[in-house]
Amino acid sequence: MTREFTHWNYRVVRTKDDEGIVFGIHEAHYNSDEEVIAATEDPVDVSSDSLEGLRHVMQVMALALGKPVLELDEKSRKFREVAS
């Protein structure tokens, strides 16, 4: 498995905190084998310097809702797809 980033997109990541399970939209980074090898630690903010830019960012983020949810396996430190 290569650790070199080739591209990224937005993905829903399931995490746990003191209050339970939390879903957030994160940047997911892929290697050339299409494996998610990293993701932002915290969910991303939604902001832009224009209303049209904000609309575009939200549309691209919404695509993440149509993809499988990811979760970081604490033992292997690899991301896996999970049932939402």
C-alpha atoms as a PDB file:
ATOM      1  CA  MET A   1       0.000   0.000   0.000  1.00  0.00           C
ATOM      2  CA  THR A   2       1.385   3.354  -1.009  1.00  0.00           C
ATOM      3  CA  ARG A   3       0.994   6.353   1.320  1.00  0.00           C
ATOM      4  CA  GLU A   4       1.311   8.932  -1.457  1.00  0.00           C
ATOM      5  CA  PHE A   5      -1.799  11.099  -1.866  1.00  0.00           C
ATOM      6  CA  THR A   6      -3.205  11.181  -5.376  1.00  0.00           C
ATOM      7  CA  HIS A   7      -6.560  12.885  -4.855  1.00  0.00           C
ATOM      8  CA  TRP A   8      -9.221  13.725  -2.290  1.00  0.00           C
ATOM      9  CA  ASN A   9     -12.943  14.231  -1.939  1.00  0.00           C
ATOM     10  CA  TYR A  10     -15.498  14.774   0.795  1.00  0.00           C
ATOM     11  CA  ARG A  11     -16.713  11.732   2.720  1.00  0.00           C
ATOM     12  CA  VAL A  12     -18.941  11.167   5.722  1.00  0.00           C
ATOM     13  CA  VAL A  13     -16.870   9.850   8.629  1.00  0.00           C
ATOM     14  CA  ARG A  14     -18.412   8.248  11.705  1.00  0.00           C
ATOM     15  CA  THR A  15     -16.629   8.944  14.984  1.00  0.00           C
ATOM     16  CA  LYS A  16     -17.405   8.575  18.672  1.00  0.00           C
ATOM     17  CA  ASP A  17     -17.218  11.214  21.353  1.00  0.00           C
ATOM     18  CA  ASP A  18     -18.344  11.508  24.982  1.00  0.00           C
ATOM     19  CA  GLU A  19     -21.974  11.807  23.894  1.00  0.00           C
ATOM     20  CA  GLY A  20     -22.002   8.917  21.394  1.00  0.00           C
ATOM     21  CA  ILE A  21     -21.726   8.481  17.653  1.00  0.00           C
ATOM     22  CA  VAL A  22     -21.155  11.555  15.485  1.00  0.00           C
ATOM     23  CA  PHE A  23     -21.290  11.864  11.681  1.00  0.00           C
ATOM     24  CA  GLY A  24     -19.349  14.619   9.933  1.00  0.00           C
ATOM     25  CA  ILE A  25     -18.129  15.551   6.482  1.00  0.00           C
ATOM     26  CA  HIS A  26     -14.350  15.290   6.191  1.00  0.00           C
ATOM     27  CA  GLU A  27     -11.762  15.556   3.437  1.00  0.00           C
ATOM     28  CA  ALA A  28     -10.689  11.998   2.573  1.00  0.00           C
ATOM     29  CA  HIS A  29      -7.325  11.499   0.863  1.00  0.00           C
ATOM     30  CA  TYR A  30      -6.687   8.536  -1.445  1.00  0.00           C
ATOM     31  CA  ASN A  31      -3.667   6.698  -2.787  1.00  0.00           C
ATOM     32  CA  SER A  32      -3.252   5.385  -6.335  1.00  0.00           C
ATOM     33  CA  ASP A  33      -5.004   2.138  -5.280  1.00  0.00           C
ATOM     34  CA  GLU A  34      -8.155   4.162  -4.422  1.00  0.00           C
ATOM     35  CA  GLU A  35      -7.709   3.413  -0.696  1.00  0.00           C
ATOM     36  CA  VAL A  36      -8.569   6.119   1.822  1.00  0.00           C
ATOM     37  CA  ILE A  37      -5.259   6.645   3.606  1.00  0.00           C
ATOM     38  CA  ALA A  38      -6.050   9.802   5.573  1.00  0.00           C
ATOM     39  CA  ALA A  39      -8.863  12.141   6.488  1.00  0.00           C
ATOM     40  CA  THR A  40      -9.103  15.451   8.262  1.00  0.00           C
ATOM     41  CA  GLU A  41      -9.237  15.004  12.019  1.00  0.00           C
ATOM     42  CA  ASP A  42     -12.197  17.349  12.372  1.00  0.00           C
ATOM     43  CA  PRO A  43     -15.162  17.845  10.050  1.00  0.00           C
ATOM     44  CA  VAL A  44     -14.607  20.580   7.478  1.00  0.00           C
ATOM     45  CA  ASP A  45     -16.148  24.039   7.710  1.00  0.00           C
ATOM     46  CA  VAL A  46     -18.519  25.298   5.062  1.00  0.00           C
ATOM     47  CA  SER A  47     -17.415  28.723   3.897  1.00  0.00           C
ATOM     48  CA  SER A  48     -16.602  30.662   0.759  1.00  0.00           C
ATOM     49  CA  ASP A  49     -15.871  34.182  -0.366  1.00  0.00           C
ATOM     50  CA  SER A  50     -19.124  34.320  -2.359  1.00  0.00           C
ATOM     51  CA  LEU A  51     -22.647  32.966  -2.222  1.00  0.00           C
ATOM     52  CA  GLU A  52     -22.117  31.108  -5.515  1.00  0.00           C
ATOM     53  CA  GLY A  53     -18.904  29.611  -4.154  1.00  0.00           C
ATOM     54  CA  LEU A  54     -20.725  28.523  -1.000  1.00  0.00           C
ATOM     55  CA  ARG A  55     -23.449  26.922  -3.104  1.00  0.00           C
ATOM     56  CA  HIS A  56     -20.820  24.992  -5.076  1.00  0.00           C
ATOM     57  CA  VAL A  57     -19.017  23.775  -1.944  1.00  0.00           C
ATOM     58  CA  MET A  58     -22.275  22.553  -0.434  1.00  0.00           C
ATOM     59  CA  GLN A  59     -23.248  20.737  -3.636  1.00  0.00           C
ATOM     60  CA  VAL A  60     -19.883  18.948  -3.747  1.00  0.00           C
ATOM     61  CA  MET A  61     -20.142  18.093  -0.035  1.00  0.00           C
ATOM     62  CA  ALA A  62     -23.638  16.686  -0.592  1.00  0.00           C
ATOM     63  CA  LEU A  63     -22.114  14.067  -2.922  1.00  0.00           C
ATOM     64  CA  ALA A  64     -20.529  12.523   0.185  1.00  0.00           C
ATOM     65  CA  LEU A  65     -23.991  11.543   1.402  1.00  0.00           C
ATOM     66  CA  GLY A  66     -24.321   9.132  -1.512  1.00  0.00           C
ATOM     67  CA  LYS A  67     -21.103   7.269  -0.672  1.00  0.00           C
ATOM     68  CA  PRO A  68     -20.507   4.659   2.045  1.00  0.00           C
ATOM     69  CA  VAL A  69     -19.735   6.040   5.507  1.00  0.00           C
ATOM     70  CA  LEU A  70     -16.131   5.687   6.666  1.00  0.00           C
ATOM     71  CA  GLU A  71     -14.762   4.874  10.103  1.00  0.00           C
ATOM     72  CA  LEU A  72     -11.156   4.665  11.275  1.00  0.00           C
ATOM     73  CA  ASP A  73     -10.309   1.240  12.670  1.00  0.00           C
ATOM     74  CA  GLU A  74      -8.301   2.071  15.790  1.00  0.00           C
ATOM     75  CA  LYS A  75      -6.287  -1.165  15.713  1.00  0.00           C
ATOM     76  CA  SER A  76      -5.217  -1.206  12.077  1.00  0.00           C
ATOM     77  CA  ARG A  77      -5.333   2.612  11.668  1.00  0.00           C
ATOM     78  CA  LYS A  78      -7.065   2.056   8.307  1.00  0.00           C
ATOM     79  CA  PHE A  79     -10.361   3.473   7.138  1.00  0.00           C
ATOM     80  CA  ARG A  80     -13.186   1.052   6.448  1.00  0.00           C
ATOM     81  CA  GLU A  81     -16.688   1.412   5.080  1.00  0.00           C
ATOM     82  CA  VAL A  82     -19.413   0.895   7.687  1.00  0.00           C
ATOM     83  CA  ALA A  83     -23.187   0.656   7.783  1.00  0.00           C
ATOM     84  CA  SER A  84     -24.618   4.029   8.655  1.00  0.00           C
END
